[in-house]
Each structure stands twice: as structure tokens, then as C-alpha cells.
Protein backbone atom coordinates (compact mmCIF):
# COMPACT_ATOMS: atom_id res chain seq x y z
CA UNK A 1 -7.82 -1.24 30.06
CA UNK A 2 -7.82 -2.81 33.46
CA UNK A 3 -7.02 -6.40 34.23
CA UNK A 4 -3.86 -6.67 32.15
CA UNK A 5 -1.08 -8.57 33.92
CA UNK A 6 1.93 -6.38 34.52
CA UNK A 7 5.33 -7.84 33.59
CA UNK A 8 7.92 -8.54 36.23
CA UNK A 9 11.22 -6.63 36.01
CA UNK A 10 13.11 -9.93 35.96
CA UNK A 11 11.41 -10.99 32.71
CA UNK A 12 14.36 -9.42 30.86
CA UNK A 13 16.49 -12.38 31.95
CA UNK A 14 14.74 -14.52 29.32
CA UNK A 15 14.32 -13.07 25.84
CA UNK A 16 11.10 -14.73 24.74
CA UNK A 17 7.47 -13.78 24.19
CA UNK A 18 4.32 -15.72 24.99
CA UNK A 19 2.52 -18.09 22.67
CA UNK A 20 -0.52 -15.83 22.15
CA UNK A 21 1.78 -13.04 20.97
CA UNK A 22 3.43 -15.43 18.54
CA UNK A 23 0.09 -15.95 16.82
CA UNK A 24 0.03 -12.35 15.63
CA UNK A 25 1.17 -11.25 12.13
CA UNK A 26 3.85 -9.10 13.73
CA UNK A 27 5.33 -7.13 10.76
CA UNK A 28 1.95 -5.80 9.60
CA UNK A 29 0.63 -5.01 13.06
CA UNK A 30 3.72 -3.16 14.25
CA UNK A 31 4.13 -1.13 11.07
CA UNK A 32 0.50 0.03 11.34
CA UNK A 33 1.08 1.02 14.97
CA UNK A 34 4.24 2.97 14.09
CA UNK A 35 2.40 4.90 11.36
CA UNK A 36 -0.58 5.60 13.64
CA UNK A 37 1.67 6.92 16.40
CA UNK A 38 3.77 8.99 13.97
CA UNK A 39 0.66 10.60 12.51
CA UNK A 40 -1.18 11.31 15.78
CA UNK A 41 1.52 11.41 18.45
CA UNK A 42 -0.93 9.74 20.81
CA UNK A 43 -1.62 6.30 22.26
CA UNK A 44 -5.22 6.86 23.35
CA UNK A 45 -8.04 4.32 23.37
CA UNK A 46 -9.40 5.61 20.08
CA UNK A 47 -6.12 4.67 18.37
CA UNK A 48 -6.17 1.12 19.77
CA UNK A 49 -9.82 0.54 18.91
CA UNK A 50 -9.43 1.90 15.38
CA UNK A 51 -6.44 -0.31 14.63
CA UNK A 52 -7.99 -3.48 16.03
CA UNK A 53 -11.24 -2.82 14.19
CA UNK A 54 -9.39 -2.28 10.90
CA UNK A 55 -7.56 -5.60 11.34
CA UNK A 56 -10.83 -7.44 12.03
CA UNK A 57 -9.26 -9.77 14.59
CA UNK A 58 -11.10 -13.12 14.72
CA UNK A 59 -14.20 -12.72 16.88
CA UNK A 60 -14.08 -16.36 17.92
CA UNK A 61 -10.97 -15.73 20.00
CA UNK A 62 -11.07 -12.04 20.83
CA UNK A 63 -14.74 -11.10 20.64
CA UNK A 64 -15.75 -7.58 21.51
CA UNK A 65 -14.02 -4.29 20.74
CA UNK A 66 -12.48 -3.89 24.20
CA UNK A 67 -11.12 -7.42 24.30
CA UNK A 68 -9.50 -7.10 20.85
CA UNK A 69 -7.88 -3.81 21.87
CA UNK A 70 -6.55 -5.23 25.12
CA UNK A 71 -5.16 -8.29 23.34
CA UNK A 72 -3.24 -6.13 20.88
CA UNK A 73 -1.95 -3.99 23.73
CA UNK A 74 -0.58 -7.16 25.34
CA UNK A 75 1.12 -8.02 22.02
CA UNK A 76 2.93 -4.71 21.56
CA UNK A 77 3.85 -4.56 25.26
CA UNK A 78 5.37 -8.04 25.13
CA UNK A 79 7.36 -6.95 22.08
CA UNK A 80 8.62 -3.86 23.92
CA UNK A 81 6.90 -1.12 21.92
CA UNK A 82 4.73 0.12 24.79
CA UNK A 83 4.56 -0.08 28.57
CA UNK A 84 1.51 -0.18 30.81
CA UNK A 85 1.03 1.24 34.28
CA UNK A 86 -2.59 0.93 35.34
CA UNK A 87 -4.69 2.74 32.75
CA UNK A 88 -1.68 4.56 31.26
CA UNK A 89 -0.01 3.38 28.05
CA UNK A 90 3.35 4.89 27.11
CA UNK A 91 5.48 4.54 23.96
CA UNK A 92 8.83 2.80 24.46
CA UNK A 93 12.09 3.48 22.54
CA UNK A 94 11.41 1.16 19.54
CA UNK A 95 8.04 2.83 18.89
CA UNK A 96 9.57 6.30 19.28
CA UNK A 97 12.38 5.26 16.92
CA UNK A 98 9.96 3.90 14.33
CA UNK A 99 7.87 7.07 14.43
CA UNK A 100 10.97 9.28 14.08
CA UNK A 101 12.10 7.24 11.06
CA UNK A 102 8.63 7.49 9.52
CA UNK A 103 8.55 11.27 9.99
CA UNK A 104 12.06 11.71 8.62
CA UNK A 105 11.98 9.26 5.69
CA UNK A 106 8.34 9.06 4.59
CA UNK A 107 8.21 9.26 0.81
CA UNK A 108 11.80 8.06 0.33
CA UNK A 109 13.22 4.69 -0.66
CA UNK A 110 14.97 4.42 2.69
CA UNK A 111 11.78 4.24 4.75
CA UNK A 112 10.95 0.54 4.47
CA UNK A 113 14.52 -0.77 5.05
CA UNK A 114 14.88 1.49 8.09
CA UNK A 115 11.54 0.38 9.56
CA UNK A 116 12.44 -3.25 8.91
CA UNK A 117 15.77 -2.78 10.69
CA UNK A 118 14.01 -1.35 13.76
CA UNK A 119 11.46 -4.18 13.83
CA UNK A 120 14.04 -6.94 13.39
CA UNK A 121 16.23 -5.36 16.06
CA UNK A 122 13.30 -5.25 18.47
CA UNK A 123 12.35 -8.83 17.68
CA UNK A 124 15.91 -9.83 18.55
CA UNK A 125 15.62 -7.93 21.83
CA UNK A 126 12.23 -9.37 22.83
CA UNK A 127 12.47 -12.91 21.47
CA UNK A 128 16.12 -13.70 20.73
CA UNK A 129 16.15 -16.88 22.80
CA UNK A 130 13.55 -18.38 20.45
CA UNK A 131 13.84 -16.39 17.21
CA UNK A 132 17.61 -16.63 16.77
CA UNK A 133 17.73 -20.28 17.73
CA UNK A 134 14.93 -21.28 15.39
CA UNK A 135 17.09 -19.82 12.62
CA UNK A 136 20.28 -21.46 13.89
CA UNK A 137 18.58 -24.85 14.24
CA UNK A 138 17.23 -24.49 10.67
CA UNK A 139 13.79 -25.33 11.98
CA UNK A 140 14.77 -28.76 13.30
CA UNK A 141 12.74 -29.24 16.50
CA UNK A 142 15.12 -31.82 18.00
CA UNK A 143 18.09 -29.50 17.46
CA UNK A 144 16.09 -26.57 18.83
CA UNK A 145 15.17 -28.62 21.90
CA UNK A 146 18.86 -29.31 22.59
CA UNK A 147 19.83 -25.66 22.12
CA UNK A 148 17.09 -24.32 24.40
CA UNK A 149 17.95 -26.76 27.18
CA UNK A 150 21.59 -25.67 26.95
CA UNK A 151 20.46 -22.05 27.03
CA UNK A 152 18.30 -22.58 30.12
CA UNK A 153 21.11 -24.39 31.93
CA UNK A 154 23.61 -21.65 31.13
CA UNK A 155 21.29 -18.86 32.28
CA UNK A 156 20.57 -20.68 35.53
CA UNK A 157 24.31 -21.10 36.06
CA UNK A 158 24.91 -17.36 35.57
CA UNK A 159 21.87 -15.70 37.16
CA UNK A 160 20.74 -17.80 40.12
CA UNK A 161 23.97 -17.26 42.14
CA UNK A 162 23.42 -13.50 41.78
CA UNK A 163 20.47 -13.66 44.18
CA UNK A 164 20.78 -14.31 47.91
CA UNK A 165 17.08 -14.11 48.74
CA UNK A 166 15.20 -17.39 48.45
CA UNK A 167 12.11 -15.59 47.14
CA UNK A 168 14.11 -13.83 44.42
CA UNK A 169 15.80 -17.07 43.42
CA UNK A 170 12.44 -18.80 43.14
CA UNK A 171 11.18 -16.04 40.89
CA UNK A 172 14.24 -16.24 38.63
CA UNK A 173 14.06 -20.04 38.45
CA UNK A 174 10.46 -19.86 37.26
CA UNK A 175 11.20 -17.14 34.70
CA UNK A 176 13.92 -19.37 33.26
CA UNK A 177 11.45 -22.25 33.00
CA UNK A 178 11.01 -22.02 29.26
CA UNK A 179 8.09 -24.43 29.05
CA UNK A 180 5.96 -22.29 31.34
CA UNK A 181 3.57 -20.36 29.10
CA UNK A 182 2.75 -17.69 31.64
CA UNK A 183 5.43 -15.33 32.88
CA UNK A 184 5.96 -14.76 36.58
CA UNK A 185 3.73 -11.97 37.83
CA UNK A 186 4.36 -9.54 40.65
CA UNK A 187 2.42 -11.81 42.98
CA UNK A 188 4.48 -13.87 45.44
CA UNK A 189 5.76 -16.98 43.61
CA UNK A 190 5.47 -20.43 45.14
CA UNK A 191 8.69 -21.72 46.66
CA UNK A 192 10.64 -24.21 44.59
CA UNK A 193 13.24 -26.68 45.75
CA UNK A 194 16.95 -26.38 45.02
CA UNK A 195 16.68 -29.45 42.82
CA UNK A 196 13.88 -27.94 40.70
CA UNK A 197 14.18 -28.88 37.02
CA UNK A 198 12.48 -27.00 34.15
CA UNK A 199 9.55 -28.72 32.52
CA UNK A 200 10.51 -30.61 29.36
CA UNK A 201 9.79 -28.75 26.13
CA UNK A 202 6.88 -30.36 24.30
CA UNK A 203 6.94 -31.18 20.60
CA UNK A 204 3.85 -28.99 20.22
CA UNK A 205 5.56 -25.96 21.76
CA UNK A 206 8.71 -26.47 19.68
CA UNK A 207 6.72 -26.99 16.49
CA UNK A 208 4.69 -23.81 17.01
CA UNK A 209 7.85 -21.86 17.80
CA UNK A 210 9.42 -22.99 14.51
CA UNK A 211 6.25 -22.26 12.54
CA UNK A 212 5.65 -18.73 13.84
CA UNK A 213 9.27 -17.55 13.94
CA UNK A 214 9.98 -18.93 10.47
CA UNK A 215 6.98 -17.02 9.13
CA UNK A 216 8.16 -13.81 10.77
CA UNK A 217 11.63 -14.33 9.31
CA UNK A 218 10.14 -14.85 5.86
CA UNK A 219 8.06 -11.66 6.13
CA UNK A 220 11.15 -9.69 7.12
CA UNK A 221 13.26 -11.13 4.28
CA UNK A 222 15.50 -13.19 6.55
CA UNK A 223 14.26 -16.47 5.06
CA UNK A 224 13.16 -17.11 1.47
CA UNK A 225 10.08 -19.02 0.34
CA UNK A 226 12.00 -22.31 0.77
CA UNK A 227 12.81 -21.26 4.36
CA UNK A 228 16.51 -20.93 3.60
CA UNK A 229 18.53 -17.97 4.83
CA UNK A 230 18.69 -15.08 2.39
CA UNK A 231 21.90 -13.09 1.98
CA UNK A 232 20.49 -10.48 4.32
CA UNK A 233 19.39 -13.17 6.78
CA UNK A 234 22.81 -14.81 6.85
CA UNK A 235 24.45 -11.42 7.48
CA UNK A 236 21.98 -10.61 10.27
CA UNK A 237 22.55 -13.94 11.97
CA UNK A 238 26.33 -13.57 11.70
CA UNK A 239 26.30 -10.03 13.14
CA UNK A 240 24.02 -10.92 16.07
CA UNK A 241 25.94 -14.10 16.85
CA UNK A 242 29.10 -12.00 17.17
CA UNK A 243 27.37 -10.20 20.07
CA UNK A 244 26.14 -13.45 21.63
CA UNK A 245 27.52 -16.38 23.57
CA UNK A 246 27.38 -19.63 21.58
CA UNK A 247 26.05 -22.84 23.10
CA UNK A 248 27.77 -26.24 22.60
CA UNK A 249 25.17 -27.26 19.99
CA UNK A 250 25.51 -24.09 17.92
CA UNK A 251 22.81 -21.96 19.49
CA UNK A 252 23.16 -18.35 20.63
CA UNK A 253 22.46 -16.48 23.86
CA UNK A 254 21.98 -12.76 23.39
CA UNK A 255 22.30 -11.69 27.01
CA UNK A 256 20.21 -8.83 28.47
CA UNK A 257 21.42 -5.28 27.86
CA UNK A 258 23.73 -3.58 30.33
CA UNK A 259 21.08 -1.15 31.54
CA UNK A 260 18.55 -3.98 32.04
CA UNK A 261 20.95 -5.88 34.28
CA UNK A 262 21.89 -2.68 36.11
CA UNK A 263 18.20 -1.94 36.77
CA UNK A 264 18.00 -5.30 38.59
CA UNK A 265 20.94 -4.18 40.76
CA UNK A 266 23.13 -6.97 39.48
CA UNK A 267 26.89 -6.57 39.58
CA UNK A 268 27.80 -5.66 35.98
CA UNK A 269 31.53 -5.88 36.65
CA UNK A 270 31.28 -9.48 37.87
CA UNK A 271 28.87 -10.45 35.12
CA UNK A 272 31.13 -9.02 32.41
CA UNK A 273 33.77 -11.51 33.54
CA UNK A 274 31.31 -14.31 32.79
CA UNK A 275 29.23 -13.25 29.77
CA UNK A 276 29.26 -10.82 26.81
CA UNK A 277 26.83 -8.02 27.73
CA UNK A 278 25.54 -6.07 24.71
CA UNK A 279 24.27 -2.51 24.49
CA UNK A 280 21.15 -1.38 22.61
CA UNK A 281 23.48 0.35 20.14
CA UNK A 282 25.36 -2.88 19.40
CA UNK A 283 22.21 -4.76 18.36
CA UNK A 284 20.74 -1.78 16.51
CA UNK A 285 23.92 -1.25 14.49
CA UNK A 286 24.33 -4.97 13.73
CA UNK A 287 20.76 -5.16 12.46
CA UNK A 288 21.01 -1.99 10.38
CA UNK A 289 24.25 -3.23 8.81
CA UNK A 290 22.43 -6.39 7.77
CA UNK A 291 19.16 -4.94 6.50
CA UNK A 292 20.14 -1.63 4.88
CA UNK A 293 22.46 -1.48 1.82
CA UNK A 294 25.60 0.42 2.81
CA UNK A 295 28.16 2.42 0.84
CA UNK A 296 31.45 0.80 1.83
CA UNK A 297 33.42 3.82 0.62
CA UNK A 298 31.76 6.20 3.11
CA UNK A 299 32.95 5.48 6.61
CA UNK A 300 33.47 8.73 8.55
CA UNK A 301 31.44 11.78 9.58
CA UNK A 302 32.78 15.03 10.95
CA UNK A 303 31.71 16.39 14.32
CA UNK A 304 29.32 19.00 12.91
CA UNK A 305 27.51 16.39 10.80
CA UNK A 306 27.12 14.10 13.81
CA UNK A 307 25.76 16.92 15.97
CA UNK A 308 23.31 17.83 13.22
CA UNK A 309 22.05 14.24 13.04
CA UNK A 310 21.50 14.08 16.80
CA UNK A 311 19.92 17.53 16.91
CA UNK A 312 17.54 16.62 14.09
CA UNK A 313 16.49 13.39 15.83
CA UNK A 314 15.94 15.37 19.04
CA UNK A 315 13.75 17.85 17.17
CA UNK A 316 11.54 15.17 15.62
CA UNK A 317 11.26 13.39 18.98
CA UNK A 318 10.12 16.58 20.70
CA UNK A 319 7.60 17.51 18.00
CA UNK A 320 6.25 13.97 17.64
CA UNK A 321 3.73 14.48 20.44
CA UNK A 322 2.66 18.16 20.54
CA UNK A 323 0.53 17.66 23.65
CA UNK A 324 3.62 16.47 25.57
CA UNK A 325 6.34 18.58 23.93
CA UNK A 326 7.14 20.42 27.17
CA UNK A 327 7.81 17.08 28.86
CA UNK A 328 10.03 15.87 26.02
CA UNK A 329 12.89 18.25 26.70
CA UNK A 330 15.42 15.40 26.94
CA UNK A 331 16.19 12.69 24.39
CA UNK A 332 16.52 9.24 26.03
CA UNK A 333 19.76 7.48 25.11
CA UNK A 334 17.77 4.31 24.40
CA UNK A 335 15.72 6.15 21.73
CA UNK A 336 18.85 7.61 20.13
CA UNK A 337 20.52 4.17 20.17
CA UNK A 338 17.47 2.59 18.49
CA UNK A 339 17.00 5.19 15.76
CA UNK A 340 20.46 6.53 14.87
CA UNK A 341 21.88 3.56 12.93
CA UNK A 342 18.82 2.76 10.75
CA UNK A 343 18.00 6.42 10.07
CA UNK A 344 21.53 7.54 9.18
CA UNK A 345 22.25 4.35 7.21
CA UNK A 346 19.07 4.75 5.16
CA UNK A 347 19.92 8.38 4.38
CA UNK A 348 23.67 8.22 3.84
CA UNK A 349 24.60 4.57 3.29
CA UNK A 350 26.95 4.56 6.31
CA UNK A 351 26.79 4.03 10.06
CA UNK A 352 29.19 6.19 12.08
CA UNK A 353 30.26 5.11 15.57
CA UNK A 354 27.77 6.88 17.81
CA UNK A 355 29.18 5.77 21.22
CA UNK A 356 32.68 6.96 20.28
CA UNK A 357 31.30 10.30 19.11
CA UNK A 358 29.35 10.75 22.36
CA UNK A 359 32.37 9.86 24.46
CA UNK A 360 34.51 12.38 22.58
CA UNK A 361 31.78 15.00 22.80
CA UNK A 362 31.58 14.61 26.57
CA UNK A 363 35.23 15.66 26.74
CA UNK A 364 34.50 18.93 24.92
CA UNK A 365 34.18 21.74 27.47
CA UNK A 366 31.89 23.85 25.31
CA UNK A 367 29.83 21.10 23.70
CA UNK A 368 26.15 21.87 23.14
CA UNK A 369 25.31 18.17 23.64
CA UNK A 370 25.04 17.10 27.28
CA UNK A 371 24.61 13.53 28.50
CA UNK A 372 23.00 12.88 31.88
CA UNK A 373 23.72 9.21 32.80
CA UNK A 374 21.40 6.91 34.78
CA UNK A 375 22.13 3.15 34.74
CA UNK A 376 24.51 1.23 32.47
CA UNK A 377 24.48 2.97 29.07
CA UNK A 378 21.09 4.56 29.84
CA UNK A 379 20.50 8.25 30.39
CA UNK A 380 19.24 11.35 28.59
CA UNK A 381 20.64 13.88 26.14
CA UNK A 382 19.86 17.56 26.06
CA UNK A 383 21.16 20.48 24.03
CA UNK A 384 22.59 23.58 25.67
CA UNK A 385 21.80 26.91 24.16
């Protein structure tokens, strides 16, 4: 699968996906991928070709088996379900989380709500700058135009001063240019002047953004057939907006996660004085609370129950890919953060506070659960004994 443009690490500064990705019927495609990965534990070429052949992607645009497969791989990579390094394709936390949920809940009434929660959460992570603001603008392209220009200005105000290198600043400026359809690649970007202004957002771009995101929202149950917010949609928007910074015109900026900013070697302490920085857990819990019916009378879990939940998730994660089980001896915190809230909520009707439990567990001298930190809230869990 050569010839696929690799994303730049700084792409996380703008939560949006490309236009070609937006053409895809996302809910159906991603659910099929989750099931395929859960059942096989592999992401080989045969899996990609079988899925794209079953979907019968239009030959006029993506003719040829290889081209269809590569296009779909671009789609799921842009949405954050896979990563690509050369010829290698690896599952990312949302795909691992979806497969764990499928293995644990298949055949139960909790499966579909939990899978929906994971997909909506990931859509918020990958495309929040567009998806959330299409909802907040109620599909009005003029209002959306105003919101997105405010968003771009605010991100430039926050991020550009973080970089001293002219080359790095140029790269960030271009990534924040919302009207540019192609993301910045790892090739050297052209220099831009200090007075550079983003391209104006065209009516065509805004109209397509409203059309595709509204259809996704309808498929996920966030909008009804009249394109009005459902009860679940209103709750989702309220929960996510609580984690976001609001713009003057009523839009929302869901800033990059703490570990994403830390991976760019940005000063988290200084940034936290300027913006609200969410964790994966925050968005996952907010989405699960919105999508999955909860039992308001059940609010607490004892330590043994929490350990059992984490241990069970670890077990499914390790067994998910038998050919790589020896390499899966640690559970990434990002996978646990993605899967814990939707899985436990779907099974029990409640969402316990996972970060607080982990923090308390780290204080236990004889705990069997060990956390090895990396950057921000990222790291790995392993069980002792």
C-alpha cells in the first residue's frame, strides 16, 4: 500500500478530516471494520480487500481493487482508527476499544449503544472543529463561517507563539488554514509571511461540511429526520461543550488532548493557563453518558469490582490478536480510556471515575495494577502476579 501520504504530527492541532473522507458513509464502514478486526484480530491486505469489495465502492472514482482498498485505508487513518508506517498498518485505540466491546457485548442489548458511543467519541476527536460546529450553527452556513473564522483566529493566537522556529511556524500556520483541502505533509513547507491570512471559506466547502456532518449526526441519532437535535444529541452537545472553549458566536473549540500536545513538546503548564485541555477519558465519558442509558441510582464501584473490570479488558485486549499476544503484555492507557466508559456503562448502567481509581490504586503498595507513564495522561498498564 505504497504511495499513501503520511500525516504530520502537528495535524492534531486542527480537529478536522479531509473532504474525500467526508464522502464516506462513516457509521456503516467503521462498524464493519470493528467487526472484521474483532473476528480476525488482523489488519492484513485480505481484510481490506474483502471489506472494500463487499461495499462495492463506486468504480468511477476508486476503480480497481487496490485503489479502493487504499482509499478506505486513508479514511480510517484520517478518523484515527489505524496508523500507517510504510507498508505496515496498525490498529489504534478506538479500533481496539471497538473490538473489545464487540467481543465482550456481542449478543447483548448493550452492544450497539456502546459501539455508537465509541464512534461518536472518535468523530469528536478527529473532526470536532467541523462536526461540533455544524451542530452548534444548526446547519446555517453563514453562522458556521463566522464560527470557523473565530476558531482559526483563536488557535493561531494560542499555538503560533509556542514555536520559535520559522519553519515550524510556517507548518502550523498552514495546518490552521482551514480552507486548504490537503494537510501539510512531512515535506518542507513553503515559507509564509507574518501577515499570512487563511484562505476564505467557500460556500461550496461550508455547504458540503453541513451536508455530510448532518447526515453522520442523523445516522448516529444525534439529529432526527428534520435535522433537529434529539434528546441524546442535545445531551452530547452539552457534555462536549463543557469540555470545550466557546467562541464569541457560540461555537466550540475542543482542544487537542494533553498527550497530543505533550508529544509535540509544547509546554502543557503554560497552555493550561490559556485553554481547557481535555483527556481522552473526559471525551469518552461525556459521550458514553450521552449515548448510553444510565441508572442514576448506581454511582459507585468498590475496588475489587474496578480491578476486575480493568483485568477483564486487559484479557480481551491480549487475546484479541493471537499472533501478537506476546507483544500485547501491556494495556495502553489510551485504549483503557476509550473502552472503559462505554463498556461498563452498557453492562452496569453506571460510569465510575476511572482516573480517580487509578490514582488511588497507584498509592497502594501491594496493588496488582501498575501504571508506567509516558507523556501527559498516556502510558501503559500491566498486572503484577
